C-alpha atoms as a PDB file:
ATOM      1  CA  MET A   1      77.365 141.366 134.447  1.00  0.00           C
ATOM      2  CA  ILE A   2      79.656 139.085 136.432  1.00  0.00           C
ATOM      3  CA  LEU A   3      77.611 136.062 135.336  1.00  0.00           C
ATOM      4  CA  PHE A   4      78.011 137.161 131.699  1.00  0.00           C
ATOM      5  CA  GLY A   5      81.786 137.424 132.193  1.00  0.00           C
ATOM      6  CA  ILE A   6      81.968 133.951 133.730  1.00  0.00           C
ATOM      7  CA  LEU A   7      79.860 132.415 130.954  1.00  0.00           C
ATOM      8  CA  PHE A   8      81.948 134.179 128.298  1.00  0.00           C
ATOM      9  CA  GLY A   9      85.135 132.901 129.950  1.00  0.00           C
ATOM     10  CA  ILE A  10      83.862 129.315 130.047  1.00  0.00           C
ATOM     11  CA  LEU A  11      82.705 129.526 126.435  1.00  0.00           C
ATOM     12  CA  PHE A  12      86.099 130.952 125.382  1.00  0.00           C
ATOM     13  CA  VAL A  13      88.003 128.145 127.122  1.00  0.00           C
ATOM     14  CA  MET A  14      85.741 125.471 125.611  1.00  0.00           C
ATOM     15  CA  LEU A  15      86.023 126.848 122.076  1.00  0.00           C
ATOM     16  CA  SER A  16      89.776 127.312 122.433  1.00  0.00           C
ATOM     17  CA  ALA A  17      90.182 123.735 123.610  1.00  0.00           C
ATOM     18  CA  MET A  18      88.174 122.492 120.645  1.00  0.00           C
ATOM     19  CA  SER A  19      90.356 124.420 118.208  1.00  0.00           C
ATOM     20  CA  TRP A  20      93.460 122.747 119.633  1.00  0.00           C
ATOM     21  CA  HIS A  21      92.033 119.299 119.017  1.00  0.00           C
ATOM     22  CA  ARG A  22      92.811 118.094 115.535  1.00  0.00           C
ATOM     23  CA  PHE A  23      90.557 115.797 113.568  1.00  0.00           C
ATOM     24  CA  TYR A  24      92.156 112.811 111.844  1.00  0.00           C
ATOM     25  CA  THR A  25      90.048 111.830 108.877  1.00  0.00           C
ATOM     26  CA  ALA A  26      90.759 110.399 105.433  1.00  0.00           C
ATOM     27  CA  ILE A  27      88.229 109.763 102.680  1.00  0.00           C
ATOM     28  CA  TYR A  28      88.234 106.885 100.194  1.00  0.00           C
ATOM     29  CA  GLN A  29      85.893 106.849  97.219  1.00  0.00           C
ATOM     30  CA  VAL A  30      85.367 103.375  95.738  1.00  0.00           C
ATOM     31  CA  ASN A  31      83.423 103.160  92.457  1.00  0.00           C
ATOM     32  CA  TYR A  32      82.568 100.072  90.465  1.00  0.00           C
ATOM     33  CA  VAL A  33      82.480 100.770  86.719  1.00  0.00           C
ATOM     34  CA  PRO A  34      80.853  97.714  85.082  1.00  0.00           C
ATOM     35  CA  GLN A  35      81.509  98.935  81.512  1.00  0.00           C
ATOM     36  CA  LYS A  36      85.250  98.860  82.223  1.00  0.00           C
ATOM     37  CA  LYS A  37      85.064  95.839  84.569  1.00  0.00           C
ATOM     38  CA  MET A  38      87.018  97.937  87.020  1.00  0.00           C
ATOM     39  CA  VAL A  39      86.986  99.232  90.571  1.00  0.00           C
ATOM     40  CA  GLN A  40      88.308 102.782  90.776  1.00  0.00           C
ATOM     41  CA  ILE A  41      89.590 104.079  94.102  1.00  0.00           C
ATOM     42  CA  THR A  42      90.389 107.660  95.039  1.00  0.00           C
ATOM     43  CA  THR A  43      92.034 108.385  98.383  1.00  0.00           C
ATOM     44  CA  ARG A  44      92.213 111.757 100.137  1.00  0.00           C
ATOM     45  CA  ILE A  45      94.722 111.851 102.978  1.00  0.00           C
ATOM     46  CA  PHE A  46      96.376 114.762 104.725  1.00  0.00           C
ATOM     47  CA  VAL A  47      99.911 114.787 103.366  1.00  0.00           C
ATOM     48  CA  ASP A  48     101.605 115.642 106.669  1.00  0.00           C
ATOM     49  CA  ASP A  49      99.882 112.694 108.371  1.00  0.00           C
ATOM     50  CA  LEU A  50     100.901 110.374 105.529  1.00  0.00           C
ATOM     51  CA  ASN A  51     104.538 111.484 105.710  1.00  0.00           C
ATOM     52  CA  ASP A  52     104.479 111.038 109.506  1.00  0.00           C
ATOM     53  CA  ALA A  53     103.036 107.522 109.139  1.00  0.00           C
ATOM     54  CA  LEU A  54     105.680 106.558 106.565  1.00  0.00           C
ATOM     55  CA  LYS A  55     108.441 107.867 108.828  1.00  0.00           C
ATOM     56  CA  ASN A  56     106.969 105.993 111.784  1.00  0.00           C
ATOM     57  CA  LYS A  57     106.660 102.700 109.885  1.00  0.00           C
ATOM     58  CA  TYR A  58     109.806 102.711 107.753  1.00  0.00           C
ATOM     59  CA  HIS A  59     112.092 104.911 109.887  1.00  0.00           C
ATOM     60  CA  LYS A  60     112.828 107.207 106.959  1.00  0.00           C
ATOM     61  CA  LYS A  61     111.702 110.790 106.472  1.00  0.00           C
ATOM     62  CA  THR A  62     109.646 111.093 103.296  1.00  0.00           C
ATOM     63  CA  PHE A  63     108.593 114.104 101.286  1.00  0.00           C
ATOM     64  CA  ILE A  64     105.359 113.036  99.590  1.00  0.00           C
ATOM     65  CA  GLY A  65     103.873 116.097  97.907  1.00  0.00           C
ATOM     66  CA  ALA A  66     106.999 118.229  98.275  1.00  0.00           C
ATOM     67  CA  GLU A  67     109.479 119.394  95.658  1.00  0.00           C
ATOM     68  CA  ASN A  68     112.154 117.092  97.085  1.00  0.00           C
ATOM     69  CA  GLU A  69     109.944 113.972  96.867  1.00  0.00           C
ATOM     70  CA  THR A  70     111.920 110.980  95.609  1.00  0.00           C
ATOM     71  CA  PRO A  71     110.888 107.819  93.753  1.00  0.00           C
ATOM     72  CA  GLU A  72     111.811 105.945  96.952  1.00  0.00           C
ATOM     73  CA  ASP A  73     109.266 108.057  98.867  1.00  0.00           C
ATOM     74  CA  VAL A  74     106.563 107.113  96.368  1.00  0.00           C
ATOM     75  CA  GLY A  75     107.631 103.455  96.607  1.00  0.00           C
ATOM     76  CA  LEU A  76     107.250 103.530 100.393  1.00  0.00           C
ATOM     77  CA  MET A  77     103.820 105.125 100.023  1.00  0.00           C
ATOM     78  CA  LYS A  78     102.722 102.367  97.616  1.00  0.00           C
ATOM     79  CA  LYS A  79     104.069  99.710  99.994  1.00  0.00           C
ATOM     80  CA  TYR A  80     102.265 101.319 102.927  1.00  0.00           C
ATOM     81  CA  PHE A  81      98.991 101.410 100.991  1.00  0.00           C
ATOM     82  CA  SER A  82      99.319  97.761  99.975  1.00  0.00           C
ATOM     83  CA  GLU A  83      99.890  96.728 103.611  1.00  0.00           C
ATOM     84  CA  LYS A  84      97.219  98.929 105.185  1.00  0.00           C
ATOM     85  CA  PHE A  85      94.421  99.190 102.595  1.00  0.00           C
ATOM     86  CA  LYS A  86      92.952  96.006 101.132  1.00  0.00           C
ATOM     87  CA  LEU A  87      89.858  95.176  99.128  1.00  0.00           C
ATOM     88  CA  THR A  88      88.404  91.694  99.005  1.00  0.00           C
ATOM     89  CA  VAL A  89      86.032  91.379  96.059  1.00  0.00           C
ATOM     90  CA  ASN A  90      83.637  88.398  96.017  1.00  0.00           C
ATOM     91  CA  GLY A  91      85.718  86.673  98.684  1.00  0.00           C
ATOM     92  CA  GLN A  92      89.077  87.145  96.903  1.00  0.00           C
ATOM     93  CA  LEU A  93      91.758  89.611  97.993  1.00  0.00           C
ATOM     94  CA  LYS A  94      92.553  91.762  94.950  1.00  0.00           C
ATOM     95  CA  PRO A  95      95.788  93.680  94.409  1.00  0.00           C
ATOM     96  CA  MET A  96      95.362  97.363  93.652  1.00  0.00           C
ATOM     97  CA  ASN A  97      97.199  99.129  90.858  1.00  0.00           C
ATOM     98  CA  TYR A  98      98.619 102.496  91.802  1.00  0.00           C
ATOM     99  CA  LEU A  99      97.916 104.917  88.954  1.00  0.00           C
ATOM    100  CA  SER A 100      98.934 108.400  90.048  1.00  0.00           C
ATOM    101  CA  ARG A 101      98.626 111.076  92.672  1.00  0.00           C
ATOM    102  CA  GLU A 102      98.234 114.798  92.969  1.00  0.00           C
ATOM    103  CA  LEU A 103      98.432 117.348  95.735  1.00  0.00           C
ATOM    104  CA  GLU A 104      95.479 119.625  96.474  1.00  0.00           C
ATOM    105  CA  ASN A 105      96.338 122.109  99.209  1.00  0.00           C
ATOM    106  CA  ASN A 106      97.526 119.871 102.069  1.00  0.00           C
ATOM    107  CA  VAL A 107      95.782 116.699 100.848  1.00  0.00           C
ATOM    108  CA  VAL A 108      97.387 114.014  98.708  1.00  0.00           C
ATOM    109  CA  ILE A 109      94.893 112.444  96.323  1.00  0.00           C
ATOM    110  CA  CYS A 110      95.874 108.993  95.069  1.00  0.00           C
ATOM    111  CA  TYR A 111      94.226 107.086  92.248  1.00  0.00           C
ATOM    112  CA  LEU A 112      94.143 103.284  92.342  1.00  0.00           C
ATOM    113  CA  SER A 113      92.280 100.615  90.409  1.00  0.00           C
ATOM    114  CA  ILE A 114      91.442  96.932  90.331  1.00  0.00           C
ATOM    115  CA  LYS A 115      90.896  95.498  86.862  1.00  0.00           C
ATOM    116  CA  GLU A 116      89.047  92.476  85.517  1.00  0.00           C
ATOM    117  CA  ILE A 117      86.089  92.579  87.899  1.00  0.00           C
ATOM    118  CA  SER A 118      83.066  91.426  85.929  1.00  0.00           C
ATOM    119  CA  LYS A 119      80.620  91.544  88.843  1.00  0.00           C
ATOM    120  CA  ILE A 120      80.620  92.478  92.519  1.00  0.00           C
ATOM    121  CA  THR A 121      78.454  90.547  94.933  1.00  0.00           C
ATOM    122  CA  SER A 122      80.424  91.494  98.055  1.00  0.00           C
ATOM    123  CA  LEU A 123      83.167  93.940  98.893  1.00  0.00           C
ATOM    124  CA  GLU A 124      85.152  93.771 102.109  1.00  0.00           C
ATOM    125  CA  VAL A 125      87.317  96.747 102.966  1.00  0.00           C
ATOM    126  CA  GLU A 126      90.249  96.608 105.363  1.00  0.00           C
ATOM    127  CA  ASN A 127      91.757  99.986 106.094  1.00  0.00           C
ATOM    128  CA  SER A 128      94.160 100.769 108.908  1.00  0.00           C
ATOM    129  CA  ILE A 129      95.921 103.692 107.224  1.00  0.00           C
ATOM    130  CA  LEU A 130      97.168 106.163 109.846  1.00  0.00           C
ATOM    131  CA  THR A 131      95.529 104.290 112.743  1.00  0.00           C
ATOM    132  CA  GLU A 132      98.904 103.317 114.201  1.00  0.00           C
ATOM    133  CA  LEU A 133      99.817 107.004 114.276  1.00  0.00           C
ATOM    134  CA  HIS A 134      96.501 108.474 115.449  1.00  0.00           C
ATOM    135  CA  PRO A 135      94.242 106.239 117.561  1.00  0.00           C
ATOM    136  CA  ASP A 136      91.302 108.530 116.780  1.00  0.00           C
ATOM    137  CA  GLN A 137      91.845 108.276 113.000  1.00  0.00           C
ATOM    138  CA  GLN A 138      88.636 107.849 110.984  1.00  0.00           C
ATOM    139  CA  ASN A 139      88.781 106.339 107.501  1.00  0.00           C
ATOM    140  CA  ILE A 140      85.551 107.021 105.664  1.00  0.00           C
ATOM    141  CA  ILE A 141      84.792 104.694 102.749  1.00  0.00           C
ATOM    142  CA  GLN A 142      82.212 105.877 100.220  1.00  0.00           C
ATOM    143  CA  TYR A 143      81.097 103.152  97.816  1.00  0.00           C
ATOM    144  CA  ASN A 144      79.134 103.584  94.597  1.00  0.00           C
ATOM    145  CA  HIS A 145      77.850 100.474  92.814  1.00  0.00           C
ATOM    146  CA  ASN A 146      75.301 100.807  90.009  1.00  0.00           C
ATOM    147  CA  GLY A 147      74.030 104.101  91.391  1.00  0.00           C
ATOM    148  CA  LYS A 148      73.653 102.758  94.930  1.00  0.00           C
ATOM    149  CA  LYS A 149      75.758 104.575  97.492  1.00  0.00           C
ATOM    150  CA  GLN A 150      76.961 103.195 100.798  1.00  0.00           C
ATOM    151  CA  SER A 151      79.333 104.490 103.435  1.00  0.00           C
ATOM    152  CA  LEU A 152      81.527 102.757 105.940  1.00  0.00           C
ATOM    153  CA  LEU A 153      83.407 104.241 108.878  1.00  0.00           C
ATOM    154  CA  LEU A 154      86.596 102.447 109.872  1.00  0.00           C
ATOM    155  CA  THR A 155      88.658 103.303 112.957  1.00  0.00           C
ATOM    156  CA  SER A 156      91.596 101.921 114.907  1.00  0.00           C
ATOM    157  CA  GLU A 157      89.124  99.639 116.729  1.00  0.00           C
ATOM    158  CA  ILE A 158      87.188  98.603 113.612  1.00  0.00           C
ATOM    159  CA  THR A 159      89.502  98.256 110.608  1.00  0.00           C
ATOM    160  CA  LYS A 160      87.304  95.959 108.469  1.00  0.00           C
ATOM    161  CA  GLY A 161      83.848  96.286 107.058  1.00  0.00           C
ATOM    162  CA  MET A 162      81.587  94.723 104.449  1.00  0.00           C
ATOM    163  CA  LEU A 163      79.744  96.494 101.651  1.00  0.00           C
ATOM    164  CA  LYS A 164      77.089  94.798  99.527  1.00  0.00           C
END
């Protein structure tokens, strides 16, 4: 019985410690749509982490996803994305167009696109979003090109990767 109590205590401490640890993950879906000659990007980032990163980088409290969000907040978010998330298509860095965003629970979903892409032979992704805030941040890139799916895991140590 004492052994059971000790094992239960150890298990309780281990599970409690794991619940205190927070996971830092964002997901990016990148789809090539040949009919539209377009790359469509959908980002899913925890809104509190994004607001913390914007405050950290630009020294201004932002309210992305809140009722008191301002156009300046959205402008800082767009600027942050353009500095931290880059796609190089066929060897050329391509600017992304910010389309819109929505809030789903505590996740901000942003929609971006790159137009006038007739063919993709290589796609390099650079993503350091939130890595300056959370060293254990994981940015998962899911890529769909002509029905072929690939994934890429980027971290604070590895911020670039190639998809083919």
